[in-house]
Amino acid sequence: MPGLVTARSAVLVNKSNATYSAPGITLAAEKQGPLLMTSGGGLDSAAAAELKRTLPKGSTVYLNGPTKLLSSKVADQVTALGYKALRMDASDLSGLSARVAKQITATPSWIFLADGGEYHDPIAAATAAGALGYRGTGVVLLTNGKTVPSSVKSYINALNPKTTNLVTVGYNADQAVQHTAFTKSWSYWAIGGKAHEDVAANLARFWWTAPNSAVVEDTWTWQNAAAGGAATATYGPMLWSTEGTLSAQASTYLSQEAASVSVVETFGGNSSYLPANRTAIGNAIAASSAWTSTIWAAGGDVPAATARGVKAPALVAGGGEAPTGRPLPGTGTGTGIGTGPDRTHLPAPDGHTAAR
């Protein structure tokens, strides 16, 4: 069955490693392909089937990580299917983020820097970077706590602060930049918050103006968030929420943006988004959840947009795509799967200058 967007490539990540998935989200969004998960020792049948369904033979499949995460057998199996296996290799996570960034572009327009110590801020940052879409020039780089490793530092030192924008996502990334001596002086935006839910919501406010859609992700299931972030990065922001009830931060953001947000997507089954959670999403984007429609896209098979007469805001659940018809927000430079966010509202990056 054909999808809504033609895949130009694909990205494989280890389904058991959360933090290494973040660079793959941006890579998948800006190479216009799915982010697929597999076991490290061999290519899972589900991933193989999806490669064959979505990707023309001869296309590139990026292996996101060294052989300890995705073995040589995985690469051989990808090649046997008729694809070009290209490994993103590095000795550590920060080095991998720099390697992926170089694969995307040597001259990024935007860098999102997050602490790779856990997955919440990196996934939010990677989704924002991927918003620039096919052939976009946004990248995510990962620190080691409050330290900028040499691989990331070298990548940043090669850039021109006058043509590249820098955004730190989370407290540790901000501290890392403040205490690193770069070869050039950098002014940057610092996005923070008391909790990961705050950081994601604040990043959404910073990066998007009047988005058409948003994604709510379960804080406990990184696999849903990684796959969802890669698929929806160009359409709107991602927000973190607890399983049982919609987080206050996500609810507030959706209510504030209800005039433009007509679709909220979730990735995962009922266990990740209980009825109270889905009802709260509907209440946030409409007068009440009674004015919204939930469209289940089990297995990613998307129903026709007109099949249920959806005229009110819709909650797309189970990993589907929003009904089409409304123009995407923004004036981004990416082409293909989206135009990217409108960044004309961003304040000047004053008040935060990296050490020199």
Protein backbone atom coordinates (compact mmCIF):
# COMPACT_ATOMS: atom_id res chain seq x y z
CA MET A 1 0.00 0.00 0.00
CA PRO A 2 1.48 3.40 -0.91
CA GLY A 3 2.00 5.99 1.80
CA LEU A 4 1.21 9.69 1.75
CA VAL A 5 4.83 10.68 1.12
CA THR A 6 7.34 9.06 -1.23
CA ALA A 7 10.36 7.76 0.68
CA ARG A 8 13.76 8.76 -0.66
CA SER A 9 15.78 6.90 1.98
CA ALA A 10 15.37 5.20 5.35
CA VAL A 11 17.10 5.26 8.73
CA LEU A 12 17.62 2.22 10.95
CA VAL A 13 18.10 2.52 14.71
CA ASN A 14 18.56 -0.04 17.45
CA LYS A 15 15.16 -0.58 19.07
CA SER A 16 16.74 -1.03 22.50
CA ASN A 17 18.80 2.17 22.63
CA ALA A 18 16.88 5.38 23.26
CA THR A 19 19.52 8.11 23.18
CA TYR A 20 21.14 6.96 19.94
CA SER A 21 17.81 7.36 18.16
CA ALA A 22 17.76 11.17 18.39
CA PRO A 23 20.19 12.00 15.54
CA GLY A 24 18.30 9.50 13.38
CA ILE A 25 15.08 11.51 13.75
CA THR A 26 16.59 14.58 12.11
CA LEU A 27 18.35 12.48 9.49
CA ALA A 28 15.11 10.69 8.54
CA ALA A 29 13.13 13.94 8.34
CA GLU A 30 15.70 15.72 6.20
CA LYS A 31 16.46 12.74 3.96
CA GLN A 32 12.71 12.14 3.56
CA GLY A 33 12.35 8.61 4.82
CA PRO A 34 10.99 6.53 7.68
CA LEU A 35 12.85 5.87 10.89
CA LEU A 36 12.69 2.10 11.42
CA MET A 37 13.71 0.05 14.43
CA THR A 38 15.40 -3.31 14.49
CA SER A 39 17.36 -5.64 16.70
CA GLY A 40 21.08 -5.05 16.80
CA GLY A 41 22.05 -8.57 15.76
CA GLY A 42 19.94 -8.82 12.61
CA LEU A 43 17.32 -7.04 10.55
CA ASP A 44 13.87 -7.66 12.00
CA SER A 45 11.24 -8.95 9.59
CA ALA A 46 8.97 -5.96 10.25
CA ALA A 47 11.74 -3.51 9.35
CA ALA A 48 12.63 -5.51 6.23
CA ALA A 49 9.00 -5.58 5.13
CA GLU A 50 8.65 -1.82 5.59
CA LEU A 51 11.84 -1.15 3.63
CA LYS A 52 10.48 -3.20 0.74
CA ARG A 53 7.10 -1.47 0.95
CA THR A 54 8.32 2.11 1.10
CA LEU A 55 11.71 2.35 -0.54
CA PRO A 56 12.76 1.89 -4.19
CA LYS A 57 15.65 -0.50 -4.77
CA GLY A 58 19.02 1.23 -4.92
CA SER A 59 18.06 3.81 -2.30
CA THR A 60 20.25 4.56 0.71
CA VAL A 61 19.49 3.06 4.11
CA TYR A 62 21.37 4.82 6.90
CA LEU A 63 22.51 2.64 9.80
CA ASN A 64 22.46 4.94 12.81
CA GLY A 65 25.32 3.73 14.99
CA PRO A 66 28.41 1.52 15.16
CA THR A 67 28.43 -2.27 14.80
CA LYS A 68 27.83 -2.73 18.53
CA LEU A 69 24.38 -1.22 17.96
CA LEU A 70 23.64 -2.41 14.42
CA SER A 71 25.81 -5.37 13.47
CA SER A 72 27.48 -6.11 10.15
CA LYS A 73 24.75 -8.70 9.62
CA VAL A 74 22.16 -5.90 9.58
CA ALA A 75 24.17 -4.08 6.90
CA ASP A 76 24.52 -7.28 4.86
CA GLN A 77 20.79 -7.96 5.05
CA VAL A 78 20.01 -4.42 3.92
CA THR A 79 22.36 -4.82 0.98
CA ALA A 80 20.83 -8.18 0.09
CA LEU A 81 17.45 -6.45 -0.23
CA GLY A 82 18.90 -4.24 -2.96
CA TYR A 83 19.70 -1.10 -0.96
CA LYS A 84 22.87 0.86 -0.23
CA ALA A 85 23.78 0.50 3.44
CA LEU A 86 25.57 3.60 4.75
CA ARG A 87 26.72 3.43 8.35
CA MET A 88 26.81 6.49 10.60
CA ASP A 89 29.70 5.42 12.79
CA ALA A 90 31.42 7.05 15.76
CA SER A 91 33.04 6.06 19.02
CA ASP A 92 30.35 7.64 21.20
CA LEU A 93 26.94 9.30 21.09
CA SER A 94 28.21 12.86 20.75
CA GLY A 95 30.49 11.78 17.93
CA LEU A 96 27.56 10.08 16.24
CA SER A 97 25.53 13.29 16.40
CA ALA A 98 28.38 15.17 14.73
CA ARG A 99 28.74 12.44 12.09
CA VAL A 100 25.03 12.60 11.28
CA ALA A 101 25.15 16.39 11.23
CA LYS A 102 27.95 16.27 8.65
CA GLN A 103 25.88 13.84 6.58
CA ILE A 104 23.01 16.34 6.57
CA THR A 105 25.11 19.44 5.88
CA ALA A 106 28.54 20.95 6.47
CA THR A 107 26.94 24.39 6.85
CA PRO A 108 23.79 24.15 8.98
CA SER A 109 21.42 27.08 9.30
CA TRP A 110 20.28 25.88 12.73
CA ILE A 111 21.94 23.78 15.44
CA PHE A 112 19.92 22.35 18.32
CA LEU A 113 22.15 21.26 21.19
CA ALA A 114 20.86 18.88 23.89
CA ASP A 115 22.27 16.61 26.58
CA GLY A 116 22.56 13.05 25.30
CA GLY A 117 22.42 11.62 28.82
CA GLU A 118 18.75 10.72 28.37
CA TYR A 119 16.25 10.86 25.53
CA HIS A 120 13.55 13.48 26.24
CA ASP A 121 15.37 16.71 25.36
CA PRO A 122 17.33 15.16 22.45
CA ILE A 123 14.15 13.82 20.82
CA ALA A 124 12.41 17.18 21.19
CA ALA A 125 15.48 18.95 19.79
CA ALA A 126 15.86 16.48 16.92
CA THR A 127 12.22 16.90 15.94
CA ALA A 128 12.64 20.69 15.84
CA ALA A 129 15.79 20.37 13.72
CA GLY A 130 14.00 18.00 11.35
CA ALA A 131 11.23 20.57 10.82
CA LEU A 132 13.23 22.11 7.98
CA GLY A 133 12.24 19.11 5.89
CA TYR A 134 13.77 17.46 2.84
CA ARG A 135 17.22 18.86 2.14
CA GLY A 136 16.85 21.04 5.21
CA THR A 137 19.87 22.35 7.05
CA GLY A 138 18.93 21.85 10.68
CA VAL A 139 21.00 19.49 12.84
CA VAL A 140 20.96 18.17 16.39
CA LEU A 141 24.19 17.84 18.37
CA LEU A 142 24.49 16.08 21.72
CA THR A 143 26.57 17.02 24.72
CA ASN A 144 27.87 14.71 27.42
CA GLY A 145 26.05 16.26 30.36
CA LYS A 146 27.44 19.76 30.89
CA THR A 147 30.44 19.09 28.64
CA VAL A 148 30.76 19.73 24.91
CA PRO A 149 32.86 16.79 23.62
CA SER A 150 35.66 17.42 21.14
CA SER A 151 33.73 15.98 18.18
CA VAL A 152 30.85 18.40 18.68
CA LYS A 153 33.18 21.27 19.49
CA SER A 154 35.13 20.70 16.28
CA TYR A 155 31.94 20.71 14.22
CA ILE A 156 30.80 24.00 15.77
CA ASN A 157 34.25 25.61 15.52
CA ALA A 158 34.22 25.09 11.75
CA LEU A 159 31.04 27.15 11.39
CA ASN A 160 30.30 30.85 11.00
CA PRO A 161 28.15 32.27 13.82
CA LYS A 162 26.85 34.90 11.40
CA THR A 163 25.19 32.29 9.19
CA THR A 164 24.44 29.50 11.69
CA ASN A 165 21.95 29.84 14.55
CA LEU A 166 22.50 27.98 17.81
CA VAL A 167 19.76 26.84 20.23
CA THR A 168 20.37 24.97 23.48
CA VAL A 169 17.58 22.65 24.63
CA GLY A 170 17.58 21.93 28.35
CA TYR A 171 19.67 23.12 31.29
CA ASN A 172 22.71 20.89 30.78
CA ALA A 173 23.18 21.94 27.16
CA ASP A 174 23.03 25.60 28.15
CA GLN A 175 25.62 25.03 30.87
CA ALA A 176 27.83 23.13 28.45
CA VAL A 177 27.88 26.01 25.98
CA GLN A 178 28.48 28.60 28.68
CA HIS A 179 31.55 26.74 29.92
CA THR A 180 33.12 25.84 26.58
CA ALA A 181 35.78 27.95 24.91
CA PHE A 182 34.92 27.98 21.21
CA THR A 183 37.19 29.55 18.62
CA LYS A 184 34.47 32.10 17.79
CA SER A 185 31.97 34.03 19.85
CA TRP A 186 28.44 32.61 19.66
CA SER A 187 25.16 34.25 20.61
CA TYR A 188 22.41 31.68 21.08
CA TRP A 189 18.90 30.99 22.31
CA ALA A 190 18.51 28.95 25.53
CA ILE A 191 15.32 26.88 25.88
CA GLY A 192 14.77 25.52 29.37
CA GLY A 193 12.14 24.44 31.88
CA LYS A 194 11.66 22.65 35.18
CA ALA A 195 10.72 19.35 33.54
CA HIS A 196 11.05 17.73 30.12
CA GLU A 197 7.40 18.58 29.45
CA ASP A 198 8.21 22.26 30.05
CA VAL A 199 11.24 22.16 27.78
CA ALA A 200 9.30 20.61 24.89
CA ALA A 201 6.43 23.10 25.24
CA ASN A 202 8.82 26.06 25.45
CA LEU A 203 10.70 24.80 22.40
CA ALA A 204 7.39 24.54 20.55
CA ARG A 205 6.56 28.18 21.42
CA PHE A 206 10.00 29.29 20.29
CA TRP A 207 10.09 27.41 17.00
CA TRP A 208 6.53 27.36 15.67
CA THR A 209 4.03 30.10 14.89
CA ALA A 210 0.38 29.04 14.49
CA PRO A 211 1.08 25.36 13.67
CA ASN A 212 -1.60 23.39 11.87
CA SER A 213 -0.91 20.24 13.86
CA ALA A 214 0.95 18.95 16.91
CA VAL A 215 2.08 15.59 18.26
CA VAL A 216 1.63 14.40 21.83
CA GLU A 217 4.09 11.70 22.84
CA ASP A 218 4.05 9.37 25.82
CA THR A 219 7.03 10.20 28.06
CA TRP A 220 7.69 6.54 28.87
CA THR A 221 7.84 5.06 25.37
CA TRP A 222 10.70 6.57 23.42
CA GLN A 223 10.14 4.27 20.43
CA ASN A 224 6.76 5.89 19.73
CA ALA A 225 8.28 9.35 20.07
CA ALA A 226 11.23 8.62 17.79
CA ALA A 227 9.11 7.15 15.00
CA GLY A 228 6.50 9.86 15.39
CA GLY A 229 9.03 12.68 15.47
CA ALA A 230 10.65 11.57 12.22
CA ALA A 231 7.28 11.25 10.48
CA THR A 232 5.73 14.52 11.64
CA ALA A 233 8.63 16.92 12.20
CA THR A 234 7.72 19.19 9.28
CA TYR A 235 4.08 19.52 10.29
CA GLY A 236 4.19 20.81 13.85
CA PRO A 237 5.77 20.56 17.30
CA MET A 238 5.99 17.56 19.60
CA LEU A 239 4.91 17.64 23.23
CA TRP A 240 5.53 15.22 26.10
CA SER A 241 2.72 13.90 28.26
CA THR A 242 2.12 11.29 30.92
CA GLU A 243 0.10 8.20 30.00
CA GLY A 244 -2.98 8.56 32.17
CA THR A 245 -3.71 12.25 31.78
CA LEU A 246 -2.54 14.98 29.45
CA SER A 247 0.35 16.87 31.02
CA ALA A 248 -0.44 20.42 32.13
CA GLN A 249 2.32 21.76 29.89
CA ALA A 250 0.93 20.06 26.78
CA SER A 251 -2.62 21.07 27.66
CA THR A 252 -1.66 24.70 28.10
CA TYR A 253 0.25 24.82 24.84
CA LEU A 254 -2.56 23.19 22.85
CA SER A 255 -5.12 25.55 24.37
CA GLN A 256 -2.96 28.57 23.53
CA GLU A 257 -2.58 27.37 19.93
CA ALA A 258 -6.13 26.07 19.50
CA ALA A 259 -6.95 28.72 16.91
CA SER A 260 -4.51 27.12 14.47
CA VAL A 261 -4.08 23.52 15.63
CA SER A 262 -6.75 21.41 13.93
CA VAL A 263 -5.03 18.02 14.29
CA VAL A 264 -3.21 16.36 17.17
CA GLU A 265 -1.43 13.10 16.44
CA THR A 266 -0.38 10.36 18.84
CA PHE A 267 1.81 7.35 18.16
CA GLY A 268 1.14 4.13 20.01
CA GLY A 269 -1.86 2.16 21.20
CA ASN A 270 -4.47 2.61 23.91
CA SER A 271 -1.99 1.81 26.66
CA SER A 272 0.04 4.90 25.77
CA TYR A 273 -2.93 7.28 25.51
CA LEU A 274 -5.77 6.39 27.85
CA PRO A 275 -9.29 7.74 27.24
CA ALA A 276 -8.83 10.56 29.77
CA ASN A 277 -5.72 11.67 27.91
CA ARG A 278 -7.45 11.70 24.53
CA THR A 279 -10.45 13.52 25.97
CA ALA A 280 -8.16 16.18 27.44
CA ILE A 281 -6.51 16.69 24.05
CA GLY A 282 -9.91 17.25 22.48
CA ASN A 283 -10.89 19.68 25.22
CA ALA A 284 -7.66 21.62 24.68
CA ILE A 285 -8.06 22.20 20.94
CA ALA A 286 -11.84 22.60 20.77
CA ALA A 287 -14.78 23.84 22.82
CA SER A 288 -14.97 20.27 24.15
CA SER A 289 -13.89 16.81 23.06
CA ALA A 290 -17.41 16.30 21.72
CA TRP A 291 -16.43 18.56 18.83
CA THR A 292 -13.46 16.43 17.82
CA SER A 293 -13.18 13.16 15.93
CA THR A 294 -10.68 10.40 16.72
CA ILE A 295 -9.35 8.66 13.62
CA TRP A 296 -7.55 5.39 14.28
CA ALA A 297 -4.89 4.44 11.75
CA ALA A 298 -4.01 0.96 12.91
CA GLY A 299 -0.80 -0.27 11.36
CA GLY A 300 -0.33 3.09 9.68
CA ASP A 301 -3.11 2.45 7.13
CA VAL A 302 -4.67 5.89 6.83
CA PRO A 303 -8.43 6.13 6.12
CA ALA A 304 -9.71 8.57 3.53
CA ALA A 305 -9.94 12.07 4.95
CA THR A 306 -13.59 12.37 3.95
CA ALA A 307 -14.64 8.90 5.04
CA ARG A 308 -16.01 10.12 8.36
CA GLY A 309 -16.94 13.64 7.40
CA VAL A 310 -14.32 15.23 9.62
CA LYS A 311 -14.97 18.96 9.81
CA ALA A 312 -14.01 19.67 13.38
CA PRO A 313 -10.47 19.32 14.80
CA ALA A 314 -9.27 15.75 14.68
CA LEU A 315 -7.19 13.57 16.97
CA VAL A 316 -5.24 11.13 14.82
CA ALA A 317 -4.27 8.14 16.92
CA GLY A 318 -2.30 4.97 16.41
CA GLY A 319 0.41 6.38 14.17
CA GLY A 320 -1.48 7.92 11.26
CA GLU A 321 -1.21 11.09 9.21
CA ALA A 322 -3.51 14.05 9.56
CA PRO A 323 -6.22 14.66 6.95
CA THR A 324 -4.87 16.91 4.26
CA GLY A 325 -6.30 20.19 3.05
CA ARG A 326 -4.82 22.94 5.21
CA PRO A 327 -1.56 24.56 4.13
CA LEU A 328 1.49 23.85 6.21
CA PRO A 329 2.75 26.70 8.37
CA GLY A 330 5.85 28.63 7.68
CA THR A 331 8.44 29.81 5.25
CA GLY A 332 11.21 27.26 5.75
CA THR A 333 13.73 26.48 3.05
CA GLY A 334 13.14 22.72 2.95
CA THR A 335 11.18 21.22 0.07
CA GLY A 336 9.37 17.95 -0.34
CA ILE A 337 7.42 16.82 2.72
CA GLY A 338 6.87 20.26 4.21
CA THR A 339 7.79 23.91 4.21
CA GLY A 340 8.97 24.02 7.79
CA PRO A 341 8.12 26.39 10.61
CA ASP A 342 7.72 30.14 10.37
CA ARG A 343 10.74 31.60 12.16
CA THR A 344 10.06 35.30 11.55
CA HIS A 345 8.76 35.60 15.12
CA LEU A 346 12.02 34.59 16.79
CA PRO A 347 13.65 37.14 19.10
CA ALA A 348 17.25 38.15 18.66
CA PRO A 349 19.61 35.77 20.47
CA ASP A 350 20.86 38.41 22.85
CA GLY A 351 21.72 37.82 26.47
CA HIS A 352 23.36 34.46 25.86
CA THR A 353 26.89 34.55 24.52
CA ALA A 354 29.10 31.51 24.58
CA ALA A 355 32.55 31.66 26.09
CA ARG A 356 35.43 32.46 23.84
